[in-house]
Amino acid sequence: MRKLQKQVDEWISRFEEGYWPPLDTLARLMEEVGELSRIMNHRFGSKSKKTEEKEQEVSEELADVLFVIICLANSQDIDLGAAFQSVMKKYRDRDGDRWTLKVDFQEDGS
């Protein structure tokens, strides 16, 4: 994640405007999540895509969401790698016994 955060920071730092204010970035994140939701609804839900709508890729929309999340984290000086590891520990501790493990599964803790 550090490498991704650095890459985004280098891109944003090229511009005088820099990072958007946090609430503007949050609004942008909601827009991107909405675009992802629309694609998922077209592919897996009951809403069909209009014939004039261009084809979009889930992977691109997920990457857009990730880009904006990284922008928000960078603007708030958050190390996403460390935050993610903390969240994984929370899930392991809280939900480790919640579902049935696959017989051949061995957790590596990373």
PDB file of N, CA and C in Angstrom:
ATOM      1  N   MET A   1       0.821  -1.198   0.000  1.00  0.00           N
ATOM      2  CA  MET A   1       0.000   0.000   0.000  1.00  0.00           C
ATOM      3  C   MET A   1       0.866   1.263   0.000  1.00  0.00           C
ATOM      4  N   ARG A   2       1.987   1.179   0.666  1.00  0.00           N
ATOM      5  CA  ARG A   2       2.864   2.352   0.730  1.00  0.00           C
ATOM      6  C   ARG A   2       3.267   2.803  -0.673  1.00  0.00           C
ATOM      7  N   LYS A   3       3.560   1.824  -1.527  1.00  0.00           N
ATOM      8  CA  LYS A   3       3.955   2.133  -2.903  1.00  0.00           C
ATOM      9  C   LYS A   3       2.796   2.804  -3.657  1.00  0.00           C
ATOM     10  N   LEU A   4       1.591   2.297  -3.472  1.00  0.00           N
ATOM     11  CA  LEU A   4       0.421   2.899  -4.115  1.00  0.00           C
ATOM     12  C   LEU A   4       0.170   4.311  -3.582  1.00  0.00           C
ATOM     13  N   GLN A   5       0.292   4.476  -2.278  1.00  0.00           N
ATOM     14  CA  GLN A   5       0.081   5.798  -1.698  1.00  0.00           C
ATOM     15  C   GLN A   5       1.120   6.796  -2.211  1.00  0.00           C
ATOM     16  N   LYS A   6       2.342   6.347  -2.362  1.00  0.00           N
ATOM     17  CA  LYS A   6       3.397   7.216  -2.888  1.00  0.00           C
ATOM     18  C   LYS A   6       3.116   7.577  -4.338  1.00  0.00           C
ATOM     19  N   GLN A   7       2.678   6.609  -5.116  1.00  0.00           N
ATOM     20  CA  GLN A   7       2.381   6.842  -6.523  1.00  0.00           C
ATOM     21  C   GLN A   7       1.257   7.880  -6.682  1.00  0.00           C
ATOM     22  N   VAL A   8       0.217   7.760  -5.890  1.00  0.00           N
ATOM     23  CA  VAL A   8      -0.880   8.729  -5.946  1.00  0.00           C
ATOM     24  C   VAL A   8      -0.399  10.093  -5.479  1.00  0.00           C
ATOM     25  N   ASP A   9       0.398  10.128  -4.410  1.00  0.00           N
ATOM     26  CA  ASP A   9       0.899  11.403  -3.901  1.00  0.00           C
ATOM     27  C   ASP A   9       1.766  12.101  -4.937  1.00  0.00           C
ATOM     28  N   GLU A  10       2.600  11.347  -5.633  1.00  0.00           N
ATOM     29  CA  GLU A  10       3.429  11.945  -6.685  1.00  0.00           C
ATOM     30  C   GLU A  10       2.570  12.523  -7.796  1.00  0.00           C
ATOM     31  N   TRP A  11       1.478  11.843  -8.133  1.00  0.00           N
ATOM     32  CA  TRP A  11       0.575  12.345  -9.170  1.00  0.00           C
ATOM     33  C   TRP A  11      -0.109  13.640  -8.711  1.00  0.00           C
ATOM     34  N   ILE A  12      -0.688  13.612  -7.509  1.00  0.00           N
ATOM     35  CA  ILE A  12      -1.427  14.773  -7.000  1.00  0.00           C
ATOM     36  C   ILE A  12      -0.486  15.957  -6.775  1.00  0.00           C
ATOM     37  N   SER A  13       0.734  15.691  -6.339  1.00  0.00           N
ATOM     38  CA  SER A  13       1.689  16.754  -6.018  1.00  0.00           C
ATOM     39  C   SER A  13       2.139  17.544  -7.243  1.00  0.00           C
ATOM     40  N   ARG A  14       1.844  17.054  -8.422  1.00  0.00           N
ATOM     41  CA  ARG A  14       2.196  17.760  -9.656  1.00  0.00           C
ATOM     42  C   ARG A  14       1.341  19.004  -9.858  1.00  0.00           C
ATOM     43  N   PHE A  15       0.226  19.092  -9.156  1.00  0.00           N
ATOM     44  CA  PHE A  15      -0.748  20.140  -9.397  1.00  0.00           C
ATOM     45  C   PHE A  15      -0.821  21.111  -8.231  1.00  0.00           C
ATOM     46  N   GLU A  16      -0.957  22.382  -8.541  1.00  0.00           N
ATOM     47  CA  GLU A  16      -1.042  23.432  -7.516  1.00  0.00           C
ATOM     48  C   GLU A  16      -2.183  23.180  -6.537  1.00  0.00           C
ATOM     49  N   GLU A  17      -3.302  22.673  -7.041  1.00  0.00           N
ATOM     50  CA  GLU A  17      -4.480  22.490  -6.195  1.00  0.00           C
ATOM     51  C   GLU A  17      -4.278  21.413  -5.131  1.00  0.00           C
ATOM     52  N   GLY A  18      -3.443  20.447  -5.397  1.00  0.00           N
ATOM     53  CA  GLY A  18      -3.186  19.384  -4.429  1.00  0.00           C
ATOM     54  C   GLY A  18      -4.431  18.549  -4.148  1.00  0.00           C
ATOM     55  N   TYR A  19      -4.489  18.002  -2.959  1.00  0.00           N
ATOM     56  CA  TYR A  19      -5.626  17.176  -2.563  1.00  0.00           C
ATOM     57  C   TYR A  19      -6.859  18.050  -2.348  1.00  0.00           C
ATOM     58  N   TRP A  20      -8.012  17.484  -2.676  1.00  0.00           N
ATOM     59  CA  TRP A  20      -9.271  18.180  -2.415  1.00  0.00           C
ATOM     60  C   TRP A  20      -9.548  18.164  -0.918  1.00  0.00           C
ATOM     61  N   PRO A  21     -10.388  19.056  -0.456  1.00  0.00           N
ATOM     62  CA  PRO A  21     -10.805  18.998   0.951  1.00  0.00           C
ATOM     63  C   PRO A  21     -11.484  17.650   1.234  1.00  0.00           C
ATOM     64  N   PRO A  22     -11.399  17.180   2.472  1.00  0.00           N
ATOM     65  CA  PRO A  22     -11.919  15.846   2.813  1.00  0.00           C
ATOM     66  C   PRO A  22     -13.372  15.593   2.413  1.00  0.00           C
ATOM     67  N   LEU A  23     -14.254  16.547   2.622  1.00  0.00           N
ATOM     68  CA  LEU A  23     -15.659  16.316   2.271  1.00  0.00           C
ATOM     69  C   LEU A  23     -15.855  16.247   0.759  1.00  0.00           C
ATOM     70  N   ASP A  24     -15.086  17.028   0.007  1.00  0.00           N
ATOM     71  CA  ASP A  24     -15.139  16.934  -1.455  1.00  0.00           C
ATOM     72  C   ASP A  24     -14.649  15.568  -1.918  1.00  0.00           C
ATOM     73  N   THR A  25     -13.593  15.088  -1.283  1.00  0.00           N
ATOM     74  CA  THR A  25     -13.058  13.773  -1.634  1.00  0.00           C
ATOM     75  C   THR A  25     -14.055  12.675  -1.277  1.00  0.00           C
ATOM     76  N   LEU A  26     -14.715  12.815  -0.144  1.00  0.00           N
ATOM     77  CA  LEU A  26     -15.736  11.841   0.246  1.00  0.00           C
ATOM     78  C   LEU A  26     -16.881  11.826  -0.769  1.00  0.00           C
ATOM     79  N   ALA A  27     -17.295  13.003  -1.225  1.00  0.00           N
ATOM     80  CA  ALA A  27     -18.350  13.072  -2.245  1.00  0.00           C
ATOM     81  C   ALA A  27     -17.888  12.375  -3.525  1.00  0.00           C
ATOM     82  N   ARG A  28     -16.631  12.589  -3.889  1.00  0.00           N
ATOM     83  CA  ARG A  28     -16.082  11.924  -5.078  1.00  0.00           C
ATOM     84  C   ARG A  28     -16.069  10.410  -4.896  1.00  0.00           C
ATOM     85  N   LEU A  29     -15.728   9.955  -3.695  1.00  0.00           N
ATOM     86  CA  LEU A  29     -15.742   8.524  -3.408  1.00  0.00           C
ATOM     87  C   LEU A  29     -17.150   7.960  -3.579  1.00  0.00           C
ATOM     88  N   MET A  30     -18.152   8.674  -3.091  1.00  0.00           N
ATOM     89  CA  MET A  30     -19.530   8.213  -3.225  1.00  0.00           C
ATOM     90  C   MET A  30     -19.933   8.132  -4.701  1.00  0.00           C
ATOM     91  N   GLU A  31     -19.461   9.091  -5.508  1.00  0.00           N
ATOM     92  CA  GLU A  31     -19.736   9.051  -6.950  1.00  0.00           C
ATOM     93  C   GLU A  31     -19.145   7.787  -7.571  1.00  0.00           C
ATOM     94  N   GLU A  32     -17.899   7.495  -7.223  1.00  0.00           N
ATOM     95  CA  GLU A  32     -17.225   6.321  -7.791  1.00  0.00           C
ATOM     96  C   GLU A  32     -17.886   5.020  -7.330  1.00  0.00           C
ATOM     97  N   VAL A  33     -18.275   4.967  -6.063  1.00  0.00           N
ATOM     98  CA  VAL A  33     -18.977   3.783  -5.556  1.00  0.00           C
ATOM     99  C   VAL A  33     -20.319   3.639  -6.272  1.00  0.00           C
ATOM    100  N   GLY A  34     -20.970   4.752  -6.555  1.00  0.00           N
ATOM    101  CA  GLY A  34     -22.220   4.712  -7.306  1.00  0.00           C
ATOM    102  C   GLY A  34     -22.035   4.139  -8.703  1.00  0.00           C
ATOM    103  N   GLU A  35     -20.931   4.525  -9.369  1.00  0.00           N
ATOM    104  CA  GLU A  35     -20.645   3.974 -10.691  1.00  0.00           C
ATOM    105  C   GLU A  35     -20.396   2.470 -10.613  1.00  0.00           C
ATOM    106  N   LEU A  36     -19.674   2.039  -9.593  1.00  0.00           N
ATOM    107  CA  LEU A  36     -19.449   0.611  -9.384  1.00  0.00           C
ATOM    108  C   LEU A  36     -20.783  -0.103  -9.129  1.00  0.00           C
ATOM    109  N   SER A  37     -21.629   0.502  -8.317  1.00  0.00           N
ATOM    110  CA  SER A  37     -22.933  -0.088  -8.021  1.00  0.00           C
ATOM    111  C   SER A  37     -23.766  -0.241  -9.278  1.00  0.00           C
ATOM    112  N   ARG A  38     -23.721   0.728 -10.135  1.00  0.00           N
ATOM    113  CA  ARG A  38     -24.490   0.686 -11.373  1.00  0.00           C
ATOM    114  C   ARG A  38     -24.051  -0.486 -12.244  1.00  0.00           C
ATOM    115  N   ILE A  39     -22.747  -0.665 -12.386  1.00  0.00           N
ATOM    116  CA  ILE A  39     -22.230  -1.784 -13.185  1.00  0.00           C
ATOM    117  C   ILE A  39     -22.651  -3.114 -12.569  1.00  0.00           C
ATOM    118  N   MET A  40     -22.492  -3.237 -11.258  1.00  0.00           N
ATOM    119  CA  MET A  40     -22.845  -4.488 -10.587  1.00  0.00           C
ATOM    120  C   MET A  40     -24.341  -4.773 -10.737  1.00  0.00           C
ATOM    121  N   ASN A  41     -25.148  -3.735 -10.653  1.00  0.00           N
ATOM    122  CA  ASN A  41     -26.590  -3.907 -10.809  1.00  0.00           C
ATOM    123  C   ASN A  41     -26.933  -4.332 -12.236  1.00  0.00           C
ATOM    124  N   HIS A  42     -26.215  -3.787 -13.212  1.00  0.00           N
ATOM    125  CA  HIS A  42     -26.439  -4.192 -14.604  1.00  0.00           C
ATOM    126  C   HIS A  42     -26.044  -5.649 -14.828  1.00  0.00           C
ATOM    127  N   ARG A  43     -24.949  -6.044 -14.235  1.00  0.00           N
ATOM    128  CA  ARG A  43     -24.443  -7.401 -14.468  1.00  0.00           C
ATOM    129  C   ARG A  43     -25.148  -8.464 -13.643  1.00  0.00           C
ATOM    130  N   PHE A  44     -25.473  -8.141 -12.407  1.00  0.00           N
ATOM    131  CA  PHE A  44     -25.967  -9.163 -11.494  1.00  0.00           C
ATOM    132  C   PHE A  44     -27.362  -8.876 -10.936  1.00  0.00           C
ATOM    133  N   GLY A  45     -27.845  -7.671 -11.153  1.00  0.00           N
ATOM    134  CA  GLY A  45     -29.145  -7.299 -10.611  1.00  0.00           C
ATOM    135  C   GLY A  45     -30.227  -7.321 -11.671  1.00  0.00           C
ATOM    136  N   SER A  46     -31.335  -6.751 -11.320  1.00  0.00           N
ATOM    137  CA  SER A  46     -32.487  -6.773 -12.218  1.00  0.00           C
ATOM    138  C   SER A  46     -32.533  -5.573 -13.157  1.00  0.00           C
ATOM    139  N   LYS A  47     -31.620  -4.626 -12.990  1.00  0.00           N
ATOM    140  CA  LYS A  47     -31.626  -3.429 -13.837  1.00  0.00           C
ATOM    141  C   LYS A  47     -30.793  -3.674 -15.088  1.00  0.00           C
ATOM    142  N   SER A  48     -31.423  -3.579 -16.225  1.00  0.00           N
ATOM    143  CA  SER A  48     -30.680  -3.778 -17.475  1.00  0.00           C
ATOM    144  C   SER A  48     -30.024  -2.476 -17.914  1.00  0.00           C
ATOM    145  N   LYS A  49     -28.916  -2.626 -18.625  1.00  0.00           N
ATOM    146  CA  LYS A  49     -28.155  -1.483 -19.124  1.00  0.00           C
ATOM    147  C   LYS A  49     -28.856  -0.931 -20.348  1.00  0.00           C
ATOM    148  N   LYS A  50     -28.878   0.401 -20.470  1.00  0.00           N
ATOM    149  CA  LYS A  50     -29.438   1.029 -21.660  1.00  0.00           C
ATOM    150  C   LYS A  50     -28.515   0.734 -22.841  1.00  0.00           C
ATOM    151  N   THR A  51     -29.072   0.573 -24.009  1.00  0.00           N
ATOM    152  CA  THR A  51     -28.269   0.217 -25.189  1.00  0.00           C
ATOM    153  C   THR A  51     -27.238   1.284 -25.525  1.00  0.00           C
ATOM    154  N   GLU A  52     -27.533   2.546 -25.221  1.00  0.00           N
ATOM    155  CA  GLU A  52     -26.587   3.620 -25.560  1.00  0.00           C
ATOM    156  C   GLU A  52     -25.479   3.796 -24.515  1.00  0.00           C
ATOM    157  N   GLU A  53     -25.587   3.099 -23.388  1.00  0.00           N
ATOM    158  CA  GLU A  53     -24.551   3.200 -22.358  1.00  0.00           C
ATOM    159  C   GLU A  53     -23.310   2.434 -22.778  1.00  0.00           C
ATOM    160  N   LYS A  54     -22.151   3.067 -22.593  1.00  0.00           N
ATOM    161  CA  LYS A  54     -20.900   2.394 -22.946  1.00  0.00           C
ATOM    162  C   LYS A  54     -20.602   1.278 -21.948  1.00  0.00           C
ATOM    163  N   GLU A  55     -19.875   0.296 -22.424  1.00  0.00           N
ATOM    164  CA  GLU A  55     -19.484  -0.836 -21.581  1.00  0.00           C
ATOM    165  C   GLU A  55     -18.438  -0.366 -20.579  1.00  0.00           C
ATOM    166  N   GLN A  56     -18.597  -0.719 -19.330  1.00  0.00           N
ATOM    167  CA  GLN A  56     -17.642  -0.357 -18.293  1.00  0.00           C
ATOM    168  C   GLN A  56     -17.146  -1.623 -17.613  1.00  0.00           C
ATOM    169  N   GLU A  57     -15.951  -1.553 -17.077  1.00  0.00           N
ATOM    170  CA  GLU A  57     -15.333  -2.695 -16.417  1.00  0.00           C
ATOM    171  C   GLU A  57     -15.374  -2.531 -14.904  1.00  0.00           C
ATOM    172  N   VAL A  58     -15.720  -3.600 -14.226  1.00  0.00           N
ATOM    173  CA  VAL A  58     -15.717  -3.602 -12.762  1.00  0.00           C
ATOM    174  C   VAL A  58     -14.317  -3.271 -12.255  1.00  0.00           C
ATOM    175  N   SER A  59     -13.313  -3.837 -12.896  1.00  0.00           N
ATOM    176  CA  SER A  59     -11.933  -3.606 -12.447  1.00  0.00           C
ATOM    177  C   SER A  59     -11.561  -2.127 -12.484  1.00  0.00           C
ATOM    178  N   GLU A  60     -11.977  -1.421 -13.518  1.00  0.00           N
ATOM    179  CA  GLU A  60     -11.668   0.008 -13.617  1.00  0.00           C
ATOM    180  C   GLU A  60     -12.391   0.805 -12.537  1.00  0.00           C
ATOM    181  N   GLU A  61     -13.641   0.462 -12.289  1.00  0.00           N
ATOM    182  CA  GLU A  61     -14.394   1.180 -11.265  1.00  0.00           C
ATOM    183  C   GLU A  61     -13.835   0.896  -9.867  1.00  0.00           C
ATOM    184  N   LEU A  62     -13.430  -0.346  -9.616  1.00  0.00           N
ATOM    185  CA  LEU A  62     -12.786  -0.664  -8.336  1.00  0.00           C
ATOM    186  C   LEU A  62     -11.494   0.132  -8.176  1.00  0.00           C
ATOM    187  N   ALA A  63     -10.736   0.250  -9.254  1.00  0.00           N
ATOM    188  CA  ALA A  63      -9.491   1.022  -9.201  1.00  0.00           C
ATOM    189  C   ALA A  63      -9.781   2.504  -8.966  1.00  0.00           C
ATOM    190  N   ASP A  64     -10.859   3.029  -9.558  1.00  0.00           N
ATOM    191  CA  ASP A  64     -11.250   4.414  -9.289  1.00  0.00           C
ATOM    192  C   ASP A  64     -11.564   4.609  -7.809  1.00  0.00           C
ATOM    193  N   VAL A  65     -12.296   3.659  -7.233  1.00  0.00           N
ATOM    194  CA  VAL A  65     -12.625   3.721  -5.802  1.00  0.00           C
ATOM    195  C   VAL A  65     -11.336   3.699  -4.978  1.00  0.00           C
ATOM    196  N   LEU A  66     -10.429   2.802  -5.327  1.00  0.00           N
ATOM    197  CA  LEU A  66      -9.161   2.701  -4.603  1.00  0.00           C
ATOM    198  C   LEU A  66      -8.360   3.996  -4.700  1.00  0.00           C
ATOM    199  N   PHE A  67      -8.314   4.595  -5.891  1.00  0.00           N
ATOM    200  CA  PHE A  67      -7.587   5.854  -6.078  1.00  0.00           C
ATOM    201  C   PHE A  67      -8.120   6.933  -5.140  1.00  0.00           C
ATOM    202  N   VAL A  68      -9.434   7.067  -5.069  1.00  0.00           N
ATOM    203  CA  VAL A  68     -10.025   8.108  -4.224  1.00  0.00           C
ATOM    204  C   VAL A  68      -9.801   7.795  -2.748  1.00  0.00           C
ATOM    205  N   ILE A  69      -9.888   6.530  -2.375  1.00  0.00           N
ATOM    206  CA  ILE A  69      -9.604   6.148  -0.982  1.00  0.00           C
ATOM    207  C   ILE A  69      -8.164   6.511  -0.624  1.00  0.00           C
ATOM    208  N   ILE A  70      -7.246   6.247  -1.540  1.00  0.00           N
ATOM    209  CA  ILE A  70      -5.848   6.595  -1.290  1.00  0.00           C
ATOM    210  C   ILE A  70      -5.690   8.107  -1.183  1.00  0.00           C
ATOM    211  N   CYS A  71      -6.374   8.866  -2.027  1.00  0.00           N
ATOM    212  CA  CYS A  71      -6.329  10.332  -1.921  1.00  0.00           C
ATOM    213  C   CYS A  71      -6.791  10.791  -0.542  1.00  0.00           C
ATOM    214  N   LEU A  72      -7.892  10.224  -0.081  1.00  0.00           N
ATOM    215  CA  LEU A  72      -8.419  10.604   1.230  1.00  0.00           C
ATOM    216  C   LEU A  72      -7.435  10.231   2.340  1.00  0.00           C
ATOM    217  N   ALA A  73      -6.875   9.041   2.263  1.00  0.00           N
ATOM    218  CA  ALA A  73      -5.894   8.610   3.266  1.00  0.00           C
ATOM    219  C   ALA A  73      -4.661   9.514   3.252  1.00  0.00           C
ATOM    220  N   ASN A  74      -4.144   9.786   2.069  1.00  0.00           N
ATOM    221  CA  ASN A  74      -2.958  10.638   1.970  1.00  0.00           C
ATOM    222  C   ASN A  74      -3.222  12.028   2.530  1.00  0.00           C
ATOM    223  N   SER A  75      -4.382  12.581   2.214  1.00  0.00           N
ATOM    224  CA  SER A  75      -4.684  13.937   2.688  1.00  0.00           C
ATOM    225  C   SER A  75      -4.816  13.984   4.202  1.00  0.00           C
ATOM    226  N   GLN A  76      -5.064  12.834   4.819  1.00  0.00           N
ATOM    227  CA  GLN A  76      -5.214  12.757   6.273  1.00  0.00           C
ATOM    228  C   GLN A  76      -4.004  12.108   6.949  1.00  0.00           C
ATOM    229  N   ASP A  77      -2.919  11.912   6.180  1.00  0.00           N
ATOM    230  CA  ASP A  77      -1.684  11.288   6.692  1.00  0.00           C
ATOM    231  C   ASP A  77      -1.943   9.931   7.342  1.00  0.00           C
ATOM    232  N   ILE A  78      -2.732   9.113   6.665  1.00  0.00           N
ATOM    233  CA  ILE A  78      -3.057   7.768   7.150  1.00  0.00           C
ATOM    234  C   ILE A  78      -2.246   6.752   6.369  1.00  0.00           C
ATOM    235  N   ASP A  79      -1.555   5.872   7.082  1.00  0.00           N
ATOM    236  CA  ASP A  79      -0.829   4.759   6.472  1.00  0.00           C
ATOM    237  C   ASP A  79      -1.839   3.631   6.261  1.00  0.00           C
ATOM    238  N   LEU A  80      -2.294   3.476   5.023  1.00  0.00           N
ATOM    239  CA  LEU A  80      -3.319   2.470   4.741  1.00  0.00           C
ATOM    240  C   LEU A  80      -2.842   1.050   4.994  1.00  0.00           C
ATOM    241  N   GLY A  81      -1.569   0.789   4.776  1.00  0.00           N
ATOM    242  CA  GLY A  81      -1.040  -0.548   5.040  1.00  0.00           C
ATOM    243  C   GLY A  81      -1.189  -0.914   6.502  1.00  0.00           C
ATOM    244  N   ALA A  82      -0.791  -0.009   7.379  1.00  0.00           N
ATOM    245  CA  ALA A  82      -0.916  -0.252   8.822  1.00  0.00           C
ATOM    246  C   ALA A  82      -2.379  -0.336   9.234  1.00  0.00           C
ATOM    247  N   ALA A  83      -3.199   0.549   8.695  1.00  0.00           N
ATOM    248  CA  ALA A  83      -4.623   0.529   9.030  1.00  0.00           C
ATOM    249  C   ALA A  83      -5.262  -0.776   8.571  1.00  0.00           C
ATOM    250  N   PHE A  84      -4.876  -1.246   7.379  1.00  0.00           N
ATOM    251  CA  PHE A  84      -5.439  -2.487   6.864  1.00  0.00           C
ATOM    252  C   PHE A  84      -5.034  -3.677   7.730  1.00  0.00           C
ATOM    253  N   GLN A  85      -3.784  -3.727   8.157  1.00  0.00           N
ATOM    254  CA  GLN A  85      -3.339  -4.825   9.014  1.00  0.00           C
ATOM    255  C   GLN A  85      -4.100  -4.827  10.340  1.00  0.00           C
ATOM    256  N   SER A  86      -4.373  -3.640  10.860  1.00  0.00           N
ATOM    257  CA  SER A  86      -5.151  -3.528  12.090  1.00  0.00           C
ATOM    258  C   SER A  86      -6.569  -4.064  11.883  1.00  0.00           C
ATOM    259  N   VAL A  87      -7.168  -3.740  10.741  1.00  0.00           N
ATOM    260  CA  VAL A  87      -8.516  -4.221  10.437  1.00  0.00           C
ATOM    261  C   VAL A  87      -8.510  -5.740  10.246  1.00  0.00           C
ATOM    262  N   MET A  88      -7.487  -6.278   9.596  1.00  0.00           N
ATOM    263  CA  MET A  88      -7.410  -7.732   9.420  1.00  0.00           C
ATOM    264  C   MET A  88      -7.317  -8.431  10.770  1.00  0.00           C
ATOM    265  N   LYS A  89      -6.552  -7.867  11.690  1.00  0.00           N
ATOM    266  CA  LYS A  89      -6.471  -8.447  13.034  1.00  0.00           C
ATOM    267  C   LYS A  89      -7.841  -8.425  13.692  1.00  0.00           C
ATOM    268  N   LYS A  90      -8.554  -7.311  13.545  1.00  0.00           N
ATOM    269  CA  LYS A  90      -9.897  -7.201  14.111  1.00  0.00           C
ATOM    270  C   LYS A  90     -10.801  -8.307  13.552  1.00  0.00           C
ATOM    271  N   TYR A  91     -10.756  -8.505  12.232  1.00  0.00           N
ATOM    272  CA  TYR A  91     -11.591  -9.547  11.629  1.00  0.00           C
ATOM    273  C   TYR A  91     -11.174 -10.942  12.079  1.00  0.00           C
ATOM    274  N   ARG A  92      -9.864 -11.194  12.158  1.00  0.00           N
ATOM    275  CA  ARG A  92      -9.403 -12.507  12.623  1.00  0.00           C
ATOM    276  C   ARG A  92      -9.877 -12.773  14.047  1.00  0.00           C
ATOM    277  N   ASP A  93      -9.734 -11.765  14.906  1.00  0.00           N
ATOM    278  CA  ASP A  93     -10.131 -11.932  16.311  1.00  0.00           C
ATOM    279  C   ASP A  93     -11.647 -12.052  16.462  1.00  0.00           C
ATOM    280  N   ARG A  94     -12.366 -11.212  15.776  1.00  0.00           N
ATOM    281  CA  ARG A  94     -13.821 -11.154  15.935  1.00  0.00           C
ATOM    282  C   ARG A  94     -14.551 -12.256  15.177  1.00  0.00           C
ATOM    283  N   ASP A  95     -14.083 -12.559  13.979  1.00  0.00           N
ATOM    284  CA  ASP A  95     -14.838 -13.443  13.091  1.00  0.00           C
ATOM    285  C   ASP A  95     -14.120 -14.743  12.747  1.00  0.00           C
ATOM    286  N   GLY A  96     -12.993 -15.007  13.386  1.00  0.00           N
ATOM    287  CA  GLY A  96     -12.207 -16.183  13.051  1.00  0.00           C
ATOM    288  C   GLY A  96     -12.948 -17.501  13.200  1.00  0.00           C
ATOM    289  N   ASP A  97     -13.879 -17.560  14.122  1.00  0.00           N
ATOM    290  CA  ASP A  97     -14.643 -18.788  14.344  1.00  0.00           C
ATOM    291  C   ASP A  97     -16.096 -18.654  13.915  1.00  0.00           C
ATOM    292  N   ARG A  98     -16.388 -17.630  13.161  1.00  0.00           N
ATOM    293  CA  ARG A  98     -17.773 -17.348  12.793  1.00  0.00           C
ATOM    294  C   ARG A  98     -18.299 -18.277  11.698  1.00  0.00           C
ATOM    295  N   TRP A  99     -17.427 -18.675  10.780  1.00  0.00           N
ATOM    296  CA  TRP A  99     -17.835 -19.519   9.662  1.00  0.00           C
ATOM    297  C   TRP A  99     -17.017 -20.800   9.664  1.00  0.00           C
ATOM    298  N   THR A 100     -17.410 -21.732   8.851  1.00  0.00           N
ATOM    299  CA  THR A 100     -16.752 -23.029   8.777  1.00  0.00           C
ATOM    300  C   THR A 100     -15.505 -22.921   7.896  1.00  0.00           C
ATOM    301  N   LEU A 101     -14.348 -23.248   8.484  1.00  0.00           N
ATOM    302  CA  LEU A 101     -13.098 -23.205   7.717  1.00  0.00           C
ATOM    303  C   LEU A 101     -13.040 -24.360   6.735  1.00  0.00           C
ATOM    304  N   LYS A 102     -12.416 -24.117   5.602  1.00  0.00           N
ATOM    305  CA  LYS A 102     -12.152 -25.176   4.653  1.00  0.00           C
ATOM    306  C   LYS A 102     -11.201 -26.170   5.304  1.00  0.00           C
ATOM    307  N   VAL A 103     -11.341 -27.429   4.999  1.00  0.00           N
ATOM    308  CA  VAL A 103     -10.564 -28.495   5.645  1.00  0.00           C
ATOM    309  C   VAL A 103      -9.067 -28.275   5.468  1.00  0.00           C
ATOM    310  N   ASP A 104      -8.628 -27.866   4.292  1.00  0.00           N
ATOM    311  CA  ASP A 104      -7.195 -27.761   4.006  1.00  0.00           C
ATOM    312  C   ASP A 104      -6.646 -26.350   4.210  1.00  0.00           C
ATOM    313  N   PHE A 105      -7.374 -25.476   4.904  1.00  0.00           N
ATOM    314  CA  PHE A 105      -6.952 -24.101   5.101  1.00  0.00           C
ATOM    315  C   PHE A 105      -6.015 -23.975   6.295  1.00  0.00           C
ATOM    316  N   GLN A 106      -4.921 -23.227   6.096  1.00  0.00           N
ATOM    317  CA  GLN A 106      -4.008 -22.886   7.185  1.00  0.00           C
ATOM    318  C   GLN A 106      -3.756 -21.392   7.121  1.00  0.00           C
ATOM    319  N   GLU A 107      -4.076 -20.683   8.202  1.00  0.00           N
ATOM    320  CA  GLU A 107      -3.905 -19.233   8.233  1.00  0.00           C
ATOM    321  C   GLU A 107      -2.437 -18.908   8.458  1.00  0.00           C
ATOM    322  N   ASP A 108      -1.937 -17.970   7.637  1.00  0.00           N
ATOM    323  CA  ASP A 108      -0.531 -17.548   7.784  1.00  0.00           C
ATOM    324  C   ASP A 108      -0.387 -16.277   8.590  1.00  0.00           C
ATOM    325  N   GLY A 109      -1.508 -15.609   8.915  1.00  0.00           N
ATOM    326  CA  GLY A 109      -1.461 -14.428   9.753  1.00  0.00           C
ATOM    327  C   GLY A 109      -1.069 -13.163   9.042  1.00  0.00           C
ATOM    328  N   SER A 110      -0.784 -13.223   7.736  1.00  0.00           N
ATOM    329  CA  SER A 110      -0.385 -11.986   7.047  1.00  0.00           C
ATOM    330  C   SER A 110      -1.528 -11.408   6.266  1.00  0.00           C
TER     331      SER A 110
END
